[in-house]
Amino acid sequence: MSTIASIRDADVSDRDTLMFFGGLACMVLGAGLVLSNRSIRRYLGDVSPGELLETAMPDVQRYMKLRAM
């Protein structure tokens, strides 16, 4: 009976690993599709990391306030 339980645990672990790598592959594919668009590349080409941080800071501060509640 313990061998059946260990096989089931291995199947769950394999399924979790497959889902993780499948999700990672979808994210990479999606990012590639987005970045292959000419207008998006032009828009992101003008953005510096400092500007991105300035834009994201109010959202991060709002998130931290909500999390502290």
PDB file of N, CA and C in Angstrom:
ATOM      1  N   MET A   1       0.820  -1.188   0.000  1.00  0.00           N
ATOM      2  CA  MET A   1       0.000   0.000   0.000  1.00  0.00           C
ATOM      3  C   MET A   1       0.865   1.253   0.000  1.00  0.00           C
ATOM      4  N   SER A   2       2.012   1.211   0.634  1.00  0.00           N
ATOM      5  CA  SER A   2       2.880   2.392   0.696  1.00  0.00           C
ATOM      6  C   SER A   2       3.492   2.698  -0.668  1.00  0.00           C
ATOM      7  N   THR A   3       3.674   1.680  -1.495  1.00  0.00           N
ATOM      8  CA  THR A   3       4.231   1.936  -2.829  1.00  0.00           C
ATOM      9  C   THR A   3       3.241   2.694  -3.697  1.00  0.00           C
ATOM     10  N   ILE A   4       1.959   2.418  -3.540  1.00  0.00           N
ATOM     11  CA  ILE A   4       0.936   3.140  -4.299  1.00  0.00           C
ATOM     12  C   ILE A   4       0.914   4.611  -3.878  1.00  0.00           C
ATOM     13  N   ALA A   5       1.035   4.862  -2.570  1.00  0.00           N
ATOM     14  CA  ALA A   5       1.047   6.240  -2.075  1.00  0.00           C
ATOM     15  C   ALA A   5       2.279   6.985  -2.588  1.00  0.00           C
ATOM     16  N   SER A   6       3.417   6.313  -2.621  1.00  0.00           N
ATOM     17  CA  SER A   6       4.628   6.988  -3.113  1.00  0.00           C
ATOM     18  C   SER A   6       4.546   7.253  -4.611  1.00  0.00           C
ATOM     19  N   ILE A   7       3.894   6.382  -5.350  1.00  0.00           N
ATOM     20  CA  ILE A   7       3.703   6.611  -6.790  1.00  0.00           C
ATOM     21  C   ILE A   7       2.781   7.805  -7.009  1.00  0.00           C
ATOM     22  N   ARG A   8       1.722   7.903  -6.210  1.00  0.00           N
ATOM     23  CA  ARG A   8       0.807   9.049  -6.325  1.00  0.00           C
ATOM     24  C   ARG A   8       1.529  10.349  -5.993  1.00  0.00           C
ATOM     25  N   ASP A   9       2.373  10.334  -4.953  1.00  0.00           N
ATOM     26  CA  ASP A   9       3.133  11.531  -4.591  1.00  0.00           C
ATOM     27  C   ASP A   9       4.084  11.931  -5.710  1.00  0.00           C
ATOM     28  N   ALA A  10       4.704  10.965  -6.355  1.00  0.00           N
ATOM     29  CA  ALA A  10       5.607  11.258  -7.463  1.00  0.00           C
ATOM     30  C   ALA A  10       4.844  11.833  -8.646  1.00  0.00           C
ATOM     31  N   ASP A  11       3.620  11.325  -8.890  1.00  0.00           N
ATOM     32  CA  ASP A  11       2.802  11.856  -9.979  1.00  0.00           C
ATOM     33  C   ASP A  11       2.418  13.309  -9.720  1.00  0.00           C
ATOM     34  N   VAL A  12       2.079  13.625  -8.484  1.00  0.00           N
ATOM     35  CA  VAL A  12       1.730  15.003  -8.144  1.00  0.00           C
ATOM     36  C   VAL A  12       2.945  15.908  -8.313  1.00  0.00           C
ATOM     37  N   SER A  13       4.095  15.448  -7.882  1.00  0.00           N
ATOM     38  CA  SER A  13       5.319  16.230  -8.022  1.00  0.00           C
ATOM     39  C   SER A  13       5.653  16.453  -9.497  1.00  0.00           C
ATOM     40  N   ASP A  14       5.503  15.413 -10.297  1.00  0.00           N
ATOM     41  CA  ASP A  14       5.768  15.550 -11.734  1.00  0.00           C
ATOM     42  C   ASP A  14       4.785  16.514 -12.380  1.00  0.00           C
ATOM     43  N   ARG A  15       3.539  16.462 -11.967  1.00  0.00           N
ATOM     44  CA  ARG A  15       2.521  17.354 -12.519  1.00  0.00           C
ATOM     45  C   ARG A  15       2.819  18.804 -12.134  1.00  0.00           C
ATOM     46  N   ASP A  16       3.246  19.029 -10.886  1.00  0.00           N
ATOM     47  CA  ASP A  16       3.594  20.382 -10.453  1.00  0.00           C
ATOM     48  C   ASP A  16       4.771  20.924 -11.247  1.00  0.00           C
ATOM     49  N   THR A  17       5.768  20.087 -11.488  1.00  0.00           N
ATOM     50  CA  THR A  17       6.931  20.506 -12.271  1.00  0.00           C
ATOM     51  C   THR A  17       6.532  20.816 -13.704  1.00  0.00           C
ATOM     52  N   LEU A  18       5.679  19.981 -14.277  1.00  0.00           N
ATOM     53  CA  LEU A  18       5.209  20.215 -15.637  1.00  0.00           C
ATOM     54  C   LEU A  18       4.423  21.519 -15.727  1.00  0.00           C
ATOM     55  N   MET A  19       3.559  21.777 -14.758  1.00  0.00           N
ATOM     56  CA  MET A  19       2.789  23.019 -14.754  1.00  0.00           C
ATOM     57  C   MET A  19       3.701  24.233 -14.601  1.00  0.00           C
ATOM     58  N   PHE A  20       4.714  24.116 -13.755  1.00  0.00           N
ATOM     59  CA  PHE A  20       5.646  25.229 -13.552  1.00  0.00           C
ATOM     60  C   PHE A  20       6.372  25.571 -14.846  1.00  0.00           C
ATOM     61  N   PHE A  21       6.941  24.565 -15.494  1.00  0.00           N
ATOM     62  CA  PHE A  21       7.688  24.828 -16.723  1.00  0.00           C
ATOM     63  C   PHE A  21       6.762  25.218 -17.874  1.00  0.00           C
ATOM     64  N   GLY A  22       5.536  24.704 -17.886  1.00  0.00           N
ATOM     65  CA  GLY A  22       4.568  25.113 -18.895  1.00  0.00           C
ATOM     66  C   GLY A  22       4.189  26.577 -18.729  1.00  0.00           C
ATOM     67  N   GLY A  23       3.981  27.013 -17.490  1.00  0.00           N
ATOM     68  CA  GLY A  23       3.683  28.416 -17.224  1.00  0.00           C
ATOM     69  C   GLY A  23       4.847  29.313 -17.564  1.00  0.00           C
ATOM     70  N   LEU A  24       6.045  28.870 -17.251  1.00  0.00           N
ATOM     71  CA  LEU A  24       7.249  29.638 -17.587  1.00  0.00           C
ATOM     72  C   LEU A  24       7.395  29.770 -19.095  1.00  0.00           C
ATOM     73  N   ALA A  25       7.128  28.701 -19.823  1.00  0.00           N
ATOM     74  CA  ALA A  25       7.219  28.749 -21.286  1.00  0.00           C
ATOM     75  C   ALA A  25       6.179  29.701 -21.859  1.00  0.00           C
ATOM     76  N   CYS A  26       4.964  29.707 -21.290  1.00  0.00           N
ATOM     77  CA  CYS A  26       3.929  30.633 -21.760  1.00  0.00           C
ATOM     78  C   CYS A  26       4.320  32.081 -21.495  1.00  0.00           C
ATOM     79  N   MET A  27       4.940  32.344 -20.350  1.00  0.00           N
ATOM     80  CA  MET A  27       5.375  33.706 -20.051  1.00  0.00           C
ATOM     81  C   MET A  27       6.453  34.162 -21.016  1.00  0.00           C
ATOM     82  N   VAL A  28       7.401  33.299 -21.311  1.00  0.00           N
ATOM     83  CA  VAL A  28       8.475  33.657 -22.243  1.00  0.00           C
ATOM     84  C   VAL A  28       7.907  33.872 -23.637  1.00  0.00           C
ATOM     85  N   LEU A  29       7.011  33.011 -24.057  1.00  0.00           N
ATOM     86  CA  LEU A  29       6.385  33.165 -25.369  1.00  0.00           C
ATOM     87  C   LEU A  29       5.574  34.459 -25.433  1.00  0.00           C
ATOM     88  N   GLY A  30       4.818  34.755 -24.398  1.00  0.00           N
ATOM     89  CA  GLY A  30       4.029  35.983 -24.366  1.00  0.00           C
ATOM     90  C   GLY A  30       4.901  37.218 -24.396  1.00  0.00           C
ATOM     91  N   ALA A  31       5.995  37.197 -23.625  1.00  0.00           N
ATOM     92  CA  ALA A  31       6.914  38.344 -23.637  1.00  0.00           C
ATOM     93  C   ALA A  31       7.541  38.501 -25.014  1.00  0.00           C
ATOM     94  N   GLY A  32       7.867  37.407 -25.656  1.00  0.00           N
ATOM     95  CA  GLY A  32       8.435  37.483 -27.005  1.00  0.00           C
ATOM     96  C   GLY A  32       7.451  38.046 -28.008  1.00  0.00           C
ATOM     97  N   LEU A  33       6.184  37.653 -27.881  1.00  0.00           N
ATOM     98  CA  LEU A  33       5.169  38.193 -28.786  1.00  0.00           C
ATOM     99  C   LEU A  33       4.950  39.681 -28.558  1.00  0.00           C
ATOM    100  N   VAL A  34       4.933  40.087 -27.308  1.00  0.00           N
ATOM    101  CA  VAL A  34       4.742  41.501 -27.012  1.00  0.00           C
ATOM    102  C   VAL A  34       5.931  42.316 -27.513  1.00  0.00           C
ATOM    103  N   LEU A  35       7.130  41.830 -27.244  1.00  0.00           N
ATOM    104  CA  LEU A  35       8.324  42.587 -27.630  1.00  0.00           C
ATOM    105  C   LEU A  35       8.600  42.528 -29.126  1.00  0.00           C
ATOM    106  N   SER A  36       7.947  41.645 -29.841  1.00  0.00           N
ATOM    107  CA  SER A  36       8.149  41.600 -31.288  1.00  0.00           C
ATOM    108  C   SER A  36       7.331  42.676 -32.007  1.00  0.00           C
ATOM    109  N   ASN A  37       6.417  43.310 -31.302  1.00  0.00           N
ATOM    110  CA  ASN A  37       5.624  44.386 -31.883  1.00  0.00           C
ATOM    111  C   ASN A  37       6.497  45.640 -32.022  1.00  0.00           C
ATOM    112  N   ARG A  38       6.511  46.211 -33.182  1.00  0.00           N
ATOM    113  CA  ARG A  38       7.397  47.334 -33.491  1.00  0.00           C
ATOM    114  C   ARG A  38       7.077  48.565 -32.634  1.00  0.00           C
ATOM    115  N   SER A  39       5.808  48.866 -32.437  1.00  0.00           N
ATOM    116  CA  SER A  39       5.451  50.060 -31.665  1.00  0.00           C
ATOM    117  C   SER A  39       5.813  49.905 -30.195  1.00  0.00           C
ATOM    118  N   ILE A  40       5.679  48.709 -29.658  1.00  0.00           N
ATOM    119  CA  ILE A  40       6.045  48.476 -28.257  1.00  0.00           C
ATOM    120  C   ILE A  40       7.557  48.569 -28.084  1.00  0.00           C
ATOM    121  N   ARG A  41       8.314  48.036 -29.021  1.00  0.00           N
ATOM    122  CA  ARG A  41       9.773  48.163 -28.933  1.00  0.00           C
ATOM    123  C   ARG A  41      10.190  49.619 -28.993  1.00  0.00           C
ATOM    124  N   ARG A  42       9.528  50.407 -29.824  1.00  0.00           N
ATOM    125  CA  ARG A  42       9.855  51.831 -29.934  1.00  0.00           C
ATOM    126  C   ARG A  42       9.516  52.537 -28.618  1.00  0.00           C
ATOM    127  N   TYR A  43       8.385  52.183 -28.021  1.00  0.00           N
ATOM    128  CA  TYR A  43       7.973  52.794 -26.758  1.00  0.00           C
ATOM    129  C   TYR A  43       8.939  52.424 -25.628  1.00  0.00           C
ATOM    130  N   LEU A  44       9.320  51.161 -25.550  1.00  0.00           N
ATOM    131  CA  LEU A  44      10.223  50.722 -24.482  1.00  0.00           C
ATOM    132  C   LEU A  44      11.662  51.162 -24.722  1.00  0.00           C
ATOM    133  N   GLY A  45      12.000  51.484 -25.956  1.00  0.00           N
ATOM    134  CA  GLY A  45      13.356  51.934 -26.244  1.00  0.00           C
ATOM    135  C   GLY A  45      13.661  53.287 -25.644  1.00  0.00           C
ATOM    136  N   ASP A  46      12.622  54.095 -25.401  1.00  0.00           N
ATOM    137  CA  ASP A  46      12.822  55.432 -24.846  1.00  0.00           C
ATOM    138  C   ASP A  46      12.742  55.463 -23.326  1.00  0.00           C
ATOM    139  N   VAL A  47      12.423  54.367 -22.708  1.00  0.00           N
ATOM    140  CA  VAL A  47      12.210  54.336 -21.267  1.00  0.00           C
ATOM    141  C   VAL A  47      13.498  53.917 -20.570  1.00  0.00           C
ATOM    142  N   SER A  48      13.861  54.667 -19.532  1.00  0.00           N
ATOM    143  CA  SER A  48      15.027  54.308 -18.732  1.00  0.00           C
ATOM    144  C   SER A  48      14.562  53.599 -17.460  1.00  0.00           C
ATOM    145  N   PRO A  49      15.445  52.851 -16.812  1.00  0.00           N
ATOM    146  CA  PRO A  49      15.051  52.159 -15.574  1.00  0.00           C
ATOM    147  C   PRO A  49      14.596  53.129 -14.481  1.00  0.00           C
ATOM    148  N   GLY A  50      15.197  54.318 -14.425  1.00  0.00           N
ATOM    149  CA  GLY A  50      14.774  55.303 -13.429  1.00  0.00           C
ATOM    150  C   GLY A  50      13.340  55.749 -13.635  1.00  0.00           C
ATOM    151  N   GLU A  51      12.955  55.956 -14.882  1.00  0.00           N
ATOM    152  CA  GLU A  51      11.577  56.341 -15.174  1.00  0.00           C
ATOM    153  C   GLU A  51      10.603  55.226 -14.811  1.00  0.00           C
ATOM    154  N   LEU A  52      10.999  53.983 -15.058  1.00  0.00           N
ATOM    155  CA  LEU A  52      10.133  52.860 -14.682  1.00  0.00           C
ATOM    156  C   LEU A  52       9.932  52.796 -13.179  1.00  0.00           C
ATOM    157  N   LEU A  53      11.003  53.035 -12.414  1.00  0.00           N
ATOM    158  CA  LEU A  53      10.880  53.016 -10.955  1.00  0.00           C
ATOM    159  C   LEU A  53      10.000  54.155 -10.457  1.00  0.00           C
ATOM    160  N   GLU A  54      10.149  55.336 -11.043  1.00  0.00           N
ATOM    161  CA  GLU A  54       9.310  56.464 -10.648  1.00  0.00           C
ATOM    162  C   GLU A  54       7.846  56.177 -10.931  1.00  0.00           C
ATOM    163  N   THR A  55       7.577  55.515 -12.025  1.00  0.00           N
ATOM    164  CA  THR A  55       6.202  55.182 -12.387  1.00  0.00           C
ATOM    165  C   THR A  55       5.632  54.114 -11.462  1.00  0.00           C
ATOM    166  N   ALA A  56       6.446  53.165 -11.051  1.00  0.00           N
ATOM    167  CA  ALA A  56       5.959  52.033 -10.250  1.00  0.00           C
ATOM    168  C   ALA A  56       5.874  52.340  -8.762  1.00  0.00           C
ATOM    169  N   MET A  57       6.584  53.329  -8.271  1.00  0.00           N
ATOM    170  CA  MET A  57       6.635  53.574  -6.828  1.00  0.00           C
ATOM    171  C   MET A  57       5.263  53.855  -6.208  1.00  0.00           C
ATOM    172  N   PRO A  58       4.394  54.693  -6.782  1.00  0.00           N
ATOM    173  CA  PRO A  58       3.078  54.890  -6.137  1.00  0.00           C
ATOM    174  C   PRO A  58       2.286  53.589  -6.013  1.00  0.00           C
ATOM    175  N   ASP A  59       2.379  52.729  -7.003  1.00  0.00           N
ATOM    176  CA  ASP A  59       1.666  51.454  -6.937  1.00  0.00           C
ATOM    177  C   ASP A  59       2.241  50.560  -5.850  1.00  0.00           C
ATOM    178  N   VAL A  60       3.560  50.543  -5.718  1.00  0.00           N
ATOM    179  CA  VAL A  60       4.204  49.722  -4.686  1.00  0.00           C
ATOM    180  C   VAL A  60       3.838  50.248  -3.304  1.00  0.00           C
ATOM    181  N   GLN A  61       3.843  51.566  -3.144  1.00  0.00           N
ATOM    182  CA  GLN A  61       3.481  52.140  -1.846  1.00  0.00           C
ATOM    183  C   GLN A  61       2.027  51.833  -1.503  1.00  0.00           C
ATOM    184  N   ARG A  62       1.138  51.914  -2.469  1.00  0.00           N
ATOM    185  CA  ARG A  62      -0.276  51.591  -2.247  1.00  0.00           C
ATOM    186  C   ARG A  62      -0.434  50.119  -1.854  1.00  0.00           C
ATOM    187  N   TYR A  63       0.325  49.237  -2.522  1.00  0.00           N
ATOM    188  CA  TYR A  63       0.265  47.810  -2.207  1.00  0.00           C
ATOM    189  C   TYR A  63       0.750  47.553  -0.778  1.00  0.00           C
ATOM    190  N   MET A  64       1.815  48.232  -0.374  1.00  0.00           N
ATOM    191  CA  MET A  64       2.340  48.010   0.970  1.00  0.00           C
ATOM    192  C   MET A  64       1.347  48.508   2.027  1.00  0.00           C
ATOM    193  N   LYS A  65       0.638  49.606   1.755  1.00  0.00           N
ATOM    194  CA  LYS A  65      -0.384  50.085   2.689  1.00  0.00           C
ATOM    195  C   LYS A  65      -1.510  49.081   2.829  1.00  0.00           C
ATOM    196  N   LEU A  66      -1.970  48.531   1.694  1.00  0.00           N
ATOM    197  CA  LEU A  66      -3.048  47.550   1.746  1.00  0.00           C
ATOM    198  C   LEU A  66      -2.613  46.288   2.473  1.00  0.00           C
ATOM    199  N   ARG A  67      -1.371  45.911   2.268  1.00  0.00           N
ATOM    200  CA  ARG A  67      -0.876  44.692   2.907  1.00  0.00           C
ATOM    201  C   ARG A  67      -0.746  44.875   4.416  1.00  0.00           C
ATOM    202  N   ALA A  68      -0.433  46.097   4.857  1.00  0.00           N
ATOM    203  CA  ALA A  68      -0.260  46.347   6.275  1.00  0.00           C
ATOM    204  C   ALA A  68      -1.591  46.355   7.032  1.00  0.00           C
ATOM    205  N   MET A  69      -2.699  46.496   6.326  1.00  0.00           N
ATOM    206  CA  MET A  69      -4.012  46.566   6.997  1.00  0.00           C
ATOM    207  C   MET A  69      -4.390  45.273   7.615  1.00  0.00           C
TER     208      MET A  69
END
